[in-house]
Amino acid sequence: SPGSLGVFLAGGTVVLAADPSATLCFPLIEKHQVNVTALVPPAVSLWLQALTEGESRAQLASLKLLQVGGARLSATLAARIPAEIGCLLQQVFGMAEGLVNYTRLDDSAEKIIHTQGYPMCPDDEVWVADAEGNPLPQGEVGRLMTRGPYTFRGYYKSPQHNASAFDANGFYCSGDLISIDPEGYITVQGREKDQINRGGEKIAAEEIENLLLRHPAVIYAALVSMEDELMGEKSCAYLVVKEPLRAVQVRRFLREQGIAEFKLPDRVECVDSLPLTAVGKVDKKQLRQWLASRASA
């Protein structure tokens, strides 16, 4: 992804912020008349929340484009960006190993809100595989397989990793779960490793998180696994909320969204904030450690 280097190549100026908070970034945007910026989804939530709590949107008047990537952006948050932040949204989905996808600026609102775009290079090859590596029909959810001119060819001196990461034809398996629509647009459905195995039933964490974010009282949501003797794993939903929510209310809301009973969170924890990694993603490892420490207490 071009990122900061792309801005330099185009003769632009890059403004660096120490953190993505609205209190720091909004004045910087106003001072330097920033017109393009990039955020991860948790930071988008921070900005939207700051605007609802009184931060001035006038500080963002120069902003023309917001790129969002690093994790799946829920459609609920995506739809709020143009109206509340006042700029165009461009979804970005890529990986350090190679493949980069964007929604285009002239795409329909439907594509921009609900997909992560399509590859930036016409020579990128992308298809969807099942657990055995067989191609899946269009629209079905499976493993992302990719090969292209800038996708890496393997891990240095690590044949064991390469054997599991690449198929016989050199296609890289990123661990992302995606679907591809008839026009070639990719929708990220989650990560293979971000699934909860509840008594043999697989629960995609992102699916439940995106449904939870539809609740008007929920600001942030993260679903993680917790060990269980009988089921192997159960699920816990960590929520940052505007007003108190009880577990029974959360489950009732999710039932109204039409999900299966086994996908309902077994536990709901309302917290003041979610721990973040150095790059601004929700730190689910830390959340699981919280659960483990409580269980052993």
C-alpha atoms as a PDB file:
ATOM      1  CA  SER A   1       0.000   0.000   0.000  1.00  0.00           C
ATOM      2  CA  PRO A   2       1.454   3.417  -0.936  1.00  0.00           C
ATOM      3  CA  GLY A   3       0.793   4.966   2.481  1.00  0.00           C
ATOM      4  CA  SER A   4       3.098   7.806   3.507  1.00  0.00           C
ATOM      5  CA  LEU A   5       5.562   7.030   0.714  1.00  0.00           C
ATOM      6  CA  GLY A   6       2.791   7.506  -1.836  1.00  0.00           C
ATOM      7  CA  VAL A   7       2.063  10.948  -0.396  1.00  0.00           C
ATOM      8  CA  PHE A   8       5.742  11.905  -0.616  1.00  0.00           C
ATOM      9  CA  LEU A   9       5.910  10.619  -4.189  1.00  0.00           C
ATOM     10  CA  ALA A  10       2.978  12.872  -5.090  1.00  0.00           C
ATOM     11  CA  GLY A  11       4.680  15.883  -3.512  1.00  0.00           C
ATOM     12  CA  GLY A  12       2.477  15.965  -0.428  1.00  0.00           C
ATOM     13  CA  THR A  13       3.132  16.526   3.260  1.00  0.00           C
ATOM     14  CA  VAL A  14       2.740  13.854   5.941  1.00  0.00           C
ATOM     15  CA  VAL A  15       1.595  14.884   9.424  1.00  0.00           C
ATOM     16  CA  LEU A  16       2.385  12.354  12.164  1.00  0.00           C
ATOM     17  CA  ALA A  17       0.251  11.979  15.296  1.00  0.00           C
ATOM     18  CA  ALA A  18       1.428  10.285  18.485  1.00  0.00           C
ATOM     19  CA  ASP A  19      -1.923   8.513  18.872  1.00  0.00           C
ATOM     20  CA  PRO A  20      -5.279   8.411  17.027  1.00  0.00           C
ATOM     21  CA  SER A  21      -7.337  10.217  19.676  1.00  0.00           C
ATOM     22  CA  ALA A  22      -9.713  12.923  18.504  1.00  0.00           C
ATOM     23  CA  THR A  23      -8.325  15.438  21.007  1.00  0.00           C
ATOM     24  CA  LEU A  24      -4.902  15.138  19.357  1.00  0.00           C
ATOM     25  CA  CYS A  25      -5.828  14.538  15.709  1.00  0.00           C
ATOM     26  CA  PHE A  26      -8.657  17.029  15.195  1.00  0.00           C
ATOM     27  CA  PRO A  27      -6.489  20.100  15.986  1.00  0.00           C
ATOM     28  CA  LEU A  28      -3.662  18.693  13.816  1.00  0.00           C
ATOM     29  CA  ILE A  29      -6.041  18.252  10.884  1.00  0.00           C
ATOM     30  CA  GLU A  30      -7.276  21.814  11.284  1.00  0.00           C
ATOM     31  CA  LYS A  31      -3.796  23.317  11.757  1.00  0.00           C
ATOM     32  CA  HIS A  32      -2.198  21.570   8.759  1.00  0.00           C
ATOM     33  CA  GLN A  33      -5.353  21.413   6.591  1.00  0.00           C
ATOM     34  CA  VAL A  34      -4.995  17.654   6.210  1.00  0.00           C
ATOM     35  CA  ASN A  35      -7.155  16.283   3.389  1.00  0.00           C
ATOM     36  CA  VAL A  36      -6.464  12.515   3.580  1.00  0.00           C
ATOM     37  CA  THR A  37      -5.977  10.345   6.641  1.00  0.00           C
ATOM     38  CA  ALA A  38      -6.080   6.664   7.591  1.00  0.00           C
ATOM     39  CA  LEU A  39      -7.492   4.915  10.658  1.00  0.00           C
ATOM     40  CA  VAL A  40      -8.156   1.448  12.007  1.00  0.00           C
ATOM     41  CA  PRO A  41     -11.810   0.713  12.932  1.00  0.00           C
ATOM     42  CA  PRO A  42     -11.444   1.230  16.723  1.00  0.00           C
ATOM     43  CA  ALA A  43     -10.074   4.720  16.034  1.00  0.00           C
ATOM     44  CA  VAL A  44     -13.059   5.450  13.768  1.00  0.00           C
ATOM     45  CA  SER A  45     -15.286   4.631  16.732  1.00  0.00           C
ATOM     46  CA  LEU A  46     -13.255   7.013  18.909  1.00  0.00           C
ATOM     47  CA  TRP A  47     -13.702   9.845  16.415  1.00  0.00           C
ATOM     48  CA  LEU A  48     -17.431   9.283  15.986  1.00  0.00           C
ATOM     49  CA  GLN A  49     -17.901   9.126  19.740  1.00  0.00           C
ATOM     50  CA  ALA A  50     -15.923  12.357  20.193  1.00  0.00           C
ATOM     51  CA  LEU A  51     -18.167  14.118  17.671  1.00  0.00           C
ATOM     52  CA  THR A  52     -21.295  13.002  19.523  1.00  0.00           C
ATOM     53  CA  GLU A  53     -19.771  14.290  22.772  1.00  0.00           C
ATOM     54  CA  GLY A  54     -19.160  17.789  21.465  1.00  0.00           C
ATOM     55  CA  GLU A  55     -15.871  17.833  19.543  1.00  0.00           C
ATOM     56  CA  SER A  56     -16.193  20.326  16.699  1.00  0.00           C
ATOM     57  CA  ARG A  57     -16.639  18.874  13.210  1.00  0.00           C
ATOM     58  CA  ALA A  58     -15.434  22.242  11.886  1.00  0.00           C
ATOM     59  CA  GLN A  59     -11.888  21.108  12.714  1.00  0.00           C
ATOM     60  CA  LEU A  60     -12.298  18.419  10.028  1.00  0.00           C
ATOM     61  CA  ALA A  61     -13.461  20.780   7.276  1.00  0.00           C
ATOM     62  CA  SER A  62     -10.339  20.182   5.157  1.00  0.00           C
ATOM     63  CA  LEU A  63     -10.681  16.385   5.283  1.00  0.00           C
ATOM     64  CA  LYS A  64     -11.737  14.911   1.935  1.00  0.00           C
ATOM     65  CA  LEU A  65     -10.941  11.203   2.313  1.00  0.00           C
ATOM     66  CA  LEU A  66     -10.742   8.746   5.192  1.00  0.00           C
ATOM     67  CA  GLN A  67      -9.070   5.397   4.491  1.00  0.00           C
ATOM     68  CA  VAL A  68      -9.969   2.620   6.924  1.00  0.00           C
ATOM     69  CA  GLY A  69      -8.167  -0.716   7.145  1.00  0.00           C
ATOM     70  CA  GLY A  70      -6.245  -3.032   9.432  1.00  0.00           C
ATOM     71  CA  ALA A  71      -9.396  -4.871  10.498  1.00  0.00           C
ATOM     72  CA  ARG A  72     -12.962  -5.327   9.304  1.00  0.00           C
ATOM     73  CA  LEU A  73     -14.991  -2.094   9.424  1.00  0.00           C
ATOM     74  CA  SER A  74     -18.597  -2.797  10.338  1.00  0.00           C
ATOM     75  CA  ALA A  75     -21.236  -1.542   7.916  1.00  0.00           C
ATOM     76  CA  THR A  76     -22.842   0.337  10.812  1.00  0.00           C
ATOM     77  CA  LEU A  77     -19.724   2.459  11.358  1.00  0.00           C
ATOM     78  CA  ALA A  78     -18.991   2.774   7.637  1.00  0.00           C
ATOM     79  CA  ALA A  79     -22.412   4.264   6.945  1.00  0.00           C
ATOM     80  CA  ARG A  80     -21.888   6.964   9.592  1.00  0.00           C
ATOM     81  CA  ILE A  81     -18.596   8.315   8.229  1.00  0.00           C
ATOM     82  CA  PRO A  82     -19.805  10.490   5.306  1.00  0.00           C
ATOM     83  CA  ALA A  83     -22.583  12.130   7.318  1.00  0.00           C
ATOM     84  CA  GLU A  84     -20.837  12.559  10.666  1.00  0.00           C
ATOM     85  CA  ILE A  85     -17.178  13.064   9.727  1.00  0.00           C
ATOM     86  CA  GLY A  86     -18.080  14.766   6.454  1.00  0.00           C
ATOM     87  CA  CYS A  87     -15.704  13.079   4.003  1.00  0.00           C
ATOM     88  CA  LEU A  88     -15.507  10.169   1.594  1.00  0.00           C
ATOM     89  CA  LEU A  89     -14.711   6.700   2.905  1.00  0.00           C
ATOM     90  CA  GLN A  90     -12.267   4.335   1.223  1.00  0.00           C
ATOM     91  CA  GLN A  91     -12.030   0.828   2.631  1.00  0.00           C
ATOM     92  CA  VAL A  92      -8.592  -0.799   2.498  1.00  0.00           C
ATOM     93  CA  PHE A  93      -7.847  -4.483   2.965  1.00  0.00           C
ATOM     94  CA  GLY A  94      -4.285  -5.657   2.612  1.00  0.00           C
ATOM     95  CA  MET A  95      -1.440  -7.543   4.187  1.00  0.00           C
ATOM     96  CA  ALA A  96       2.304  -7.163   4.624  1.00  0.00           C
ATOM     97  CA  GLU A  97       2.759 -10.340   2.568  1.00  0.00           C
ATOM     98  CA  GLY A  98       1.362  -8.707  -0.558  1.00  0.00           C
ATOM     99  CA  LEU A  99      -2.242  -8.378  -1.719  1.00  0.00           C
ATOM    100  CA  VAL A 100      -3.842  -4.928  -1.298  1.00  0.00           C
ATOM    101  CA  ASN A 101      -7.493  -4.121  -2.054  1.00  0.00           C
ATOM    102  CA  TYR A 102      -9.344  -0.811  -2.123  1.00  0.00           C
ATOM    103  CA  THR A 103     -12.825   0.435  -2.739  1.00  0.00           C
ATOM    104  CA  ARG A 104     -12.659   3.092  -5.444  1.00  0.00           C
ATOM    105  CA  LEU A 105     -13.729   6.692  -4.913  1.00  0.00           C
ATOM    106  CA  ASP A 106     -16.417   6.409  -7.598  1.00  0.00           C
ATOM    107  CA  ASP A 107     -17.850   3.134  -6.259  1.00  0.00           C
ATOM    108  CA  SER A 108     -21.469   3.060  -5.154  1.00  0.00           C
ATOM    109  CA  ALA A 109     -22.269   3.639  -1.487  1.00  0.00           C
ATOM    110  CA  GLU A 110     -23.358  -0.002  -1.302  1.00  0.00           C
ATOM    111  CA  LYS A 111     -19.893  -1.228  -2.341  1.00  0.00           C
ATOM    112  CA  ILE A 112     -18.017   1.246  -0.146  1.00  0.00           C
ATOM    113  CA  ILE A 113     -20.040   0.434   2.971  1.00  0.00           C
ATOM    114  CA  HIS A 114     -20.366  -3.327   2.589  1.00  0.00           C
ATOM    115  CA  THR A 115     -17.147  -4.489   0.849  1.00  0.00           C
ATOM    116  CA  GLN A 116     -13.396  -4.052   1.105  1.00  0.00           C
ATOM    117  CA  GLY A 117     -12.970  -3.403  -2.615  1.00  0.00           C
ATOM    118  CA  TYR A 118     -10.892  -5.324  -5.131  1.00  0.00           C
ATOM    119  CA  PRO A 119      -7.140  -5.691  -5.836  1.00  0.00           C
ATOM    120  CA  MET A 120      -5.166  -2.612  -6.794  1.00  0.00           C
ATOM    121  CA  CYS A 121      -3.267  -4.543  -9.471  1.00  0.00           C
ATOM    122  CA  PRO A 122      -5.008  -6.275 -12.404  1.00  0.00           C
ATOM    123  CA  ASP A 123      -2.409  -9.067 -12.235  1.00  0.00           C
ATOM    124  CA  ASP A 124      -3.404 -10.069  -8.696  1.00  0.00           C
ATOM    125  CA  GLU A 125      -5.100 -13.468  -8.601  1.00  0.00           C
ATOM    126  CA  VAL A 126      -7.620 -14.129  -5.836  1.00  0.00           C
ATOM    127  CA  TRP A 127      -9.940 -17.062  -5.207  1.00  0.00           C
ATOM    128  CA  VAL A 128     -11.770 -18.695  -2.314  1.00  0.00           C
ATOM    129  CA  ALA A 129     -10.970 -22.198  -1.014  1.00  0.00           C
ATOM    130  CA  ASP A 130     -12.619 -24.589   1.405  1.00  0.00           C
ATOM    131  CA  ALA A 131     -10.756 -26.241   4.294  1.00  0.00           C
ATOM    132  CA  GLU A 132      -9.331 -28.877   1.917  1.00  0.00           C
ATOM    133  CA  GLY A 133      -8.079 -26.310  -0.593  1.00  0.00           C
ATOM    134  CA  ASN A 134     -10.838 -26.826  -3.170  1.00  0.00           C
ATOM    135  CA  PRO A 135     -12.361 -23.825  -4.997  1.00  0.00           C
ATOM    136  CA  LEU A 136     -15.706 -22.638  -3.629  1.00  0.00           C
ATOM    137  CA  PRO A 137     -18.587 -21.241  -5.712  1.00  0.00           C
ATOM    138  CA  GLN A 138     -18.912 -17.477  -6.067  1.00  0.00           C
ATOM    139  CA  GLY A 139     -20.373 -15.812  -2.990  1.00  0.00           C
ATOM    140  CA  GLU A 140     -19.505 -18.576  -0.530  1.00  0.00           C
ATOM    141  CA  VAL A 141     -17.255 -17.883   2.450  1.00  0.00           C
ATOM    142  CA  GLY A 142     -13.865 -19.557   2.603  1.00  0.00           C
ATOM    143  CA  ARG A 143     -10.105 -19.083   2.769  1.00  0.00           C
ATOM    144  CA  LEU A 144      -8.518 -16.293   0.754  1.00  0.00           C
ATOM    145  CA  MET A 145      -5.948 -17.627  -1.714  1.00  0.00           C
ATOM    146  CA  THR A 146      -3.796 -15.134  -3.616  1.00  0.00           C
ATOM    147  CA  ARG A 147      -0.844 -14.886  -5.974  1.00  0.00           C
ATOM    148  CA  GLY A 148       0.509 -11.808  -7.725  1.00  0.00           C
ATOM    149  CA  PRO A 149       3.464  -9.668  -8.781  1.00  0.00           C
ATOM    150  CA  TYR A 150       4.081  -8.150  -5.338  1.00  0.00           C
ATOM    151  CA  THR A 151       2.953 -11.037  -3.112  1.00  0.00           C
ATOM    152  CA  PHE A 152       5.901 -12.652  -1.376  1.00  0.00           C
ATOM    153  CA  ARG A 153       7.136 -16.059  -2.502  1.00  0.00           C
ATOM    154  CA  GLY A 154       7.840 -17.612   0.879  1.00  0.00           C
ATOM    155  CA  TYR A 155       9.354 -17.336   4.344  1.00  0.00           C
ATOM    156  CA  TYR A 156      13.150 -17.271   4.458  1.00  0.00           C
ATOM    157  CA  LYS A 157      14.626 -20.676   5.317  1.00  0.00           C
ATOM    158  CA  SER A 158      11.326 -21.919   6.741  1.00  0.00           C
ATOM    159  CA  PRO A 159      10.066 -24.837   4.634  1.00  0.00           C
ATOM    160  CA  GLN A 160       7.656 -25.903   7.374  1.00  0.00           C
ATOM    161  CA  HIS A 161       5.858 -22.529   7.338  1.00  0.00           C
ATOM    162  CA  ASN A 162       5.888 -22.419   3.546  1.00  0.00           C
ATOM    163  CA  ALA A 163       4.293 -25.859   3.300  1.00  0.00           C
ATOM    164  CA  SER A 164       1.283 -24.693   5.310  1.00  0.00           C
ATOM    165  CA  ALA A 165       1.085 -21.161   3.881  1.00  0.00           C
ATOM    166  CA  PHE A 166       1.227 -21.978   0.147  1.00  0.00           C
ATOM    167  CA  ASP A 167      -0.542 -24.468  -2.084  1.00  0.00           C
ATOM    168  CA  ALA A 168       1.152 -26.477  -4.842  1.00  0.00           C
ATOM    169  CA  ASN A 169       0.572 -23.657  -7.348  1.00  0.00           C
ATOM    170  CA  GLY A 170       2.178 -20.958  -5.225  1.00  0.00           C
ATOM    171  CA  PHE A 171      -1.030 -19.361  -3.939  1.00  0.00           C
ATOM    172  CA  TYR A 172      -0.664 -17.846  -0.485  1.00  0.00           C
ATOM    173  CA  CYS A 173      -3.277 -18.620   2.187  1.00  0.00           C
ATOM    174  CA  SER A 174      -3.487 -15.548   4.414  1.00  0.00           C
ATOM    175  CA  GLY A 175      -5.823 -16.994   7.041  1.00  0.00           C
ATOM    176  CA  ASP A 176      -8.548 -14.506   6.124  1.00  0.00           C
ATOM    177  CA  LEU A 177     -12.095 -15.687   5.490  1.00  0.00           C
ATOM    178  CA  ILE A 178     -13.694 -13.858   2.564  1.00  0.00           C
ATOM    179  CA  SER A 179     -16.411 -13.967  -0.056  1.00  0.00           C
ATOM    180  CA  ILE A 180     -16.265 -12.496  -3.570  1.00  0.00           C
ATOM    181  CA  ASP A 181     -19.302 -11.027  -5.322  1.00  0.00           C
ATOM    182  CA  PRO A 182     -20.065 -11.264  -9.078  1.00  0.00           C
ATOM    183  CA  GLU A 183     -18.197  -7.997  -9.732  1.00  0.00           C
ATOM    184  CA  GLY A 184     -15.043  -9.174  -7.981  1.00  0.00           C
ATOM    185  CA  TYR A 185     -15.476  -7.160  -4.789  1.00  0.00           C
ATOM    186  CA  ILE A 186     -14.105  -8.820  -1.666  1.00  0.00           C
ATOM    187  CA  THR A 187     -15.929  -8.887   1.655  1.00  0.00           C
ATOM    188  CA  VAL A 188     -13.865  -9.922   4.659  1.00  0.00           C
ATOM    189  CA  GLN A 189     -15.868 -12.252   6.880  1.00  0.00           C
ATOM    190  CA  GLY A 190     -13.265 -12.845   9.590  1.00  0.00           C
ATOM    191  CA  ARG A 191     -10.112 -14.758  10.392  1.00  0.00           C
ATOM    192  CA  GLU A 192      -9.716 -18.515  10.622  1.00  0.00           C
ATOM    193  CA  LYS A 193      -8.023 -18.088  13.997  1.00  0.00           C
ATOM    194  CA  ASP A 194     -10.692 -15.629  15.224  1.00  0.00           C
ATOM    195  CA  GLN A 195     -13.321 -18.325  15.518  1.00  0.00           C
ATOM    196  CA  ILE A 196     -14.824 -19.834  18.632  1.00  0.00           C
ATOM    197  CA  ASN A 197     -15.430 -23.585  18.602  1.00  0.00           C
ATOM    198  CA  ARG A 198     -18.419 -24.042  20.905  1.00  0.00           C
ATOM    199  CA  GLY A 199     -19.025 -27.772  21.177  1.00  0.00           C
ATOM    200  CA  GLY A 200     -18.172 -28.265  17.502  1.00  0.00           C
ATOM    201  CA  GLU A 201     -20.195 -25.269  16.290  1.00  0.00           C
ATOM    202  CA  LYS A 202     -17.995 -22.545  14.770  1.00  0.00           C
ATOM    203  CA  ILE A 203     -18.730 -18.922  15.663  1.00  0.00           C
ATOM    204  CA  ALA A 204     -17.087 -16.140  13.634  1.00  0.00           C
ATOM    205  CA  ALA A 205     -16.268 -13.399  16.141  1.00  0.00           C
ATOM    206  CA  GLU A 206     -16.587 -10.581  13.606  1.00  0.00           C
ATOM    207  CA  GLU A 207     -20.122 -11.604  12.657  1.00  0.00           C
ATOM    208  CA  ILE A 208     -21.319 -11.245  16.247  1.00  0.00           C
ATOM    209  CA  GLU A 209     -19.297  -8.064  16.848  1.00  0.00           C
ATOM    210  CA  ASN A 210     -20.864  -6.385  13.822  1.00  0.00           C
ATOM    211  CA  LEU A 211     -24.352  -7.329  15.024  1.00  0.00           C
ATOM    212  CA  LEU A 212     -23.593  -6.005  18.511  1.00  0.00           C
ATOM    213  CA  LEU A 213     -22.495  -2.673  17.029  1.00  0.00           C
ATOM    214  CA  ARG A 214     -26.002  -2.223  15.643  1.00  0.00           C
ATOM    215  CA  HIS A 215     -27.307  -1.795  19.186  1.00  0.00           C
ATOM    216  CA  PRO A 216     -27.759   1.940  19.855  1.00  0.00           C
ATOM    217  CA  ALA A 217     -26.102   1.674  23.276  1.00  0.00           C
ATOM    218  CA  VAL A 218     -22.968  -0.167  22.092  1.00  0.00           C
ATOM    219  CA  ILE A 219     -19.865   1.865  21.210  1.00  0.00           C
ATOM    220  CA  TYR A 220     -17.302  -0.959  20.884  1.00  0.00           C
ATOM    221  CA  ALA A 221     -17.645  -4.737  20.891  1.00  0.00           C
ATOM    222  CA  ALA A 222     -15.204  -7.643  21.019  1.00  0.00           C
ATOM    223  CA  LEU A 223     -16.074 -11.338  21.187  1.00  0.00           C
ATOM    224  CA  VAL A 224     -13.467 -13.745  22.558  1.00  0.00           C
ATOM    225  CA  SER A 225     -13.314 -17.392  23.545  1.00  0.00           C
ATOM    226  CA  MET A 226     -13.166 -18.665  27.102  1.00  0.00           C
ATOM    227  CA  GLU A 227     -12.295 -22.198  28.127  1.00  0.00           C
ATOM    228  CA  ASP A 228     -15.123 -24.510  29.165  1.00  0.00           C
ATOM    229  CA  GLU A 229     -14.848 -28.103  30.390  1.00  0.00           C
ATOM    230  CA  LEU A 230     -18.046 -29.294  28.709  1.00  0.00           C
ATOM    231  CA  MET A 231     -18.112 -27.324  25.437  1.00  0.00           C
ATOM    232  CA  GLY A 232     -14.378 -26.811  24.957  1.00  0.00           C
ATOM    233  CA  GLU A 233     -14.937 -23.102  24.364  1.00  0.00           C
ATOM    234  CA  LYS A 234     -17.678 -20.616  25.116  1.00  0.00           C
ATOM    235  CA  SER A 235     -17.914 -16.959  24.138  1.00  0.00           C
ATOM    236  CA  CYS A 236     -17.653 -13.719  26.064  1.00  0.00           C
ATOM    237  CA  ALA A 237     -18.705 -10.359  24.641  1.00  0.00           C
ATOM    238  CA  TYR A 238     -16.807  -7.345  25.946  1.00  0.00           C
ATOM    239  CA  LEU A 239     -18.789  -4.150  25.402  1.00  0.00           C
ATOM    240  CA  VAL A 240     -18.124  -0.448  25.838  1.00  0.00           C
ATOM    241  CA  VAL A 241     -21.573   1.088  26.203  1.00  0.00           C
ATOM    242  CA  LYS A 242     -23.305   4.465  26.465  1.00  0.00           C
ATOM    243  CA  GLU A 243     -25.724   3.153  29.092  1.00  0.00           C
ATOM    244  CA  PRO A 244     -25.853   0.007  31.258  1.00  0.00           C
ATOM    245  CA  LEU A 245     -26.767  -3.207  29.422  1.00  0.00           C
ATOM    246  CA  ARG A 246     -27.598  -6.557  30.971  1.00  0.00           C
ATOM    247  CA  ALA A 247     -26.685  -9.866  29.350  1.00  0.00           C
ATOM    248  CA  VAL A 248     -30.352 -10.751  28.877  1.00  0.00           C
ATOM    249  CA  GLN A 249     -30.891  -7.521  26.921  1.00  0.00           C
ATOM    250  CA  VAL A 250     -27.889  -8.229  24.708  1.00  0.00           C
ATOM    251  CA  ARG A 251     -29.051 -11.756  23.932  1.00  0.00           C
ATOM    252  CA  ARG A 252     -32.598 -10.572  23.223  1.00  0.00           C
ATOM    253  CA  PHE A 253     -31.259  -7.995  20.774  1.00  0.00           C
ATOM    254  CA  LEU A 254     -29.129 -10.590  18.978  1.00  0.00           C
ATOM    255  CA  ARG A 255     -32.079 -12.975  18.727  1.00  0.00           C
ATOM    256  CA  GLU A 256     -33.991 -10.174  17.013  1.00  0.00           C
ATOM    257  CA  GLN A 257     -31.173 -10.037  14.443  1.00  0.00           C
ATOM    258  CA  GLY A 258     -31.989 -13.654  13.561  1.00  0.00           C
ATOM    259  CA  ILE A 259     -28.842 -15.465  14.701  1.00  0.00           C
ATOM    260  CA  ALA A 260     -28.709 -19.067  15.900  1.00  0.00           C
ATOM    261  CA  GLU A 261     -28.901 -19.759  19.631  1.00  0.00           C
ATOM    262  CA  PHE A 262     -25.396 -21.263  19.794  1.00  0.00           C
ATOM    263  CA  LYS A 263     -23.950 -17.951  18.594  1.00  0.00           C
ATOM    264  CA  LEU A 264     -25.346 -15.973  21.536  1.00  0.00           C
ATOM    265  CA  PRO A 265     -22.604 -14.825  23.959  1.00  0.00           C
ATOM    266  CA  ASP A 266     -22.407 -17.020  27.033  1.00  0.00           C
ATOM    267  CA  ARG A 267     -21.095 -14.097  29.026  1.00  0.00           C
ATOM    268  CA  VAL A 268     -21.327 -10.319  28.657  1.00  0.00           C
ATOM    269  CA  GLU A 269     -18.874  -7.899  30.261  1.00  0.00           C
ATOM    270  CA  CYS A 270     -19.379  -4.126  30.100  1.00  0.00           C
ATOM    271  CA  VAL A 271     -16.073  -2.276  30.477  1.00  0.00           C
ATOM    272  CA  ASP A 272     -14.912   1.333  30.328  1.00  0.00           C
ATOM    273  CA  SER A 273     -12.510   0.664  27.445  1.00  0.00           C
ATOM    274  CA  LEU A 274     -10.978  -2.131  25.391  1.00  0.00           C
ATOM    275  CA  PRO A 275      -7.214  -2.766  25.390  1.00  0.00           C
ATOM    276  CA  LEU A 276      -5.552  -1.928  22.090  1.00  0.00           C
ATOM    277  CA  THR A 277      -2.381  -3.170  20.422  1.00  0.00           C
ATOM    278  CA  ALA A 278       0.389  -0.807  19.312  1.00  0.00           C
ATOM    279  CA  VAL A 279      -1.312  -0.417  15.907  1.00  0.00           C
ATOM    280  CA  GLY A 280      -4.729   0.351  17.368  1.00  0.00           C
ATOM    281  CA  LYS A 281      -6.444  -3.032  17.011  1.00  0.00           C
ATOM    282  CA  VAL A 282      -8.415  -4.577  19.863  1.00  0.00           C
ATOM    283  CA  ASP A 283      -6.027  -6.718  21.916  1.00  0.00           C
ATOM    284  CA  LYS A 284      -8.017  -9.955  22.186  1.00  0.00           C
ATOM    285  CA  LYS A 285      -5.087 -11.765  23.757  1.00  0.00           C
ATOM    286  CA  GLN A 286      -5.316  -9.358  26.686  1.00  0.00           C
ATOM    287  CA  LEU A 287      -9.091  -9.880  26.914  1.00  0.00           C
ATOM    288  CA  ARG A 288      -8.633 -13.651  27.073  1.00  0.00           C
ATOM    289  CA  GLN A 289      -5.999 -13.171  29.775  1.00  0.00           C
ATOM    290  CA  TRP A 290      -8.520 -11.142  31.789  1.00  0.00           C
ATOM    291  CA  LEU A 291     -10.976 -14.026  31.576  1.00  0.00           C
ATOM    292  CA  ALA A 292      -8.334 -16.584  32.530  1.00  0.00           C
ATOM    293  CA  SER A 293      -7.183 -14.550  35.538  1.00  0.00           C
ATOM    294  CA  ARG A 294     -10.758 -14.224  36.814  1.00  0.00           C
ATOM    295  CA  ALA A 295     -11.364 -17.946  36.381  1.00  0.00           C
ATOM    296  CA  SER A 296      -8.265 -18.799  38.416  1.00  0.00           C
ATOM    297  CA  ALA A 297      -8.931 -16.207  41.120  1.00  0.00           C
END
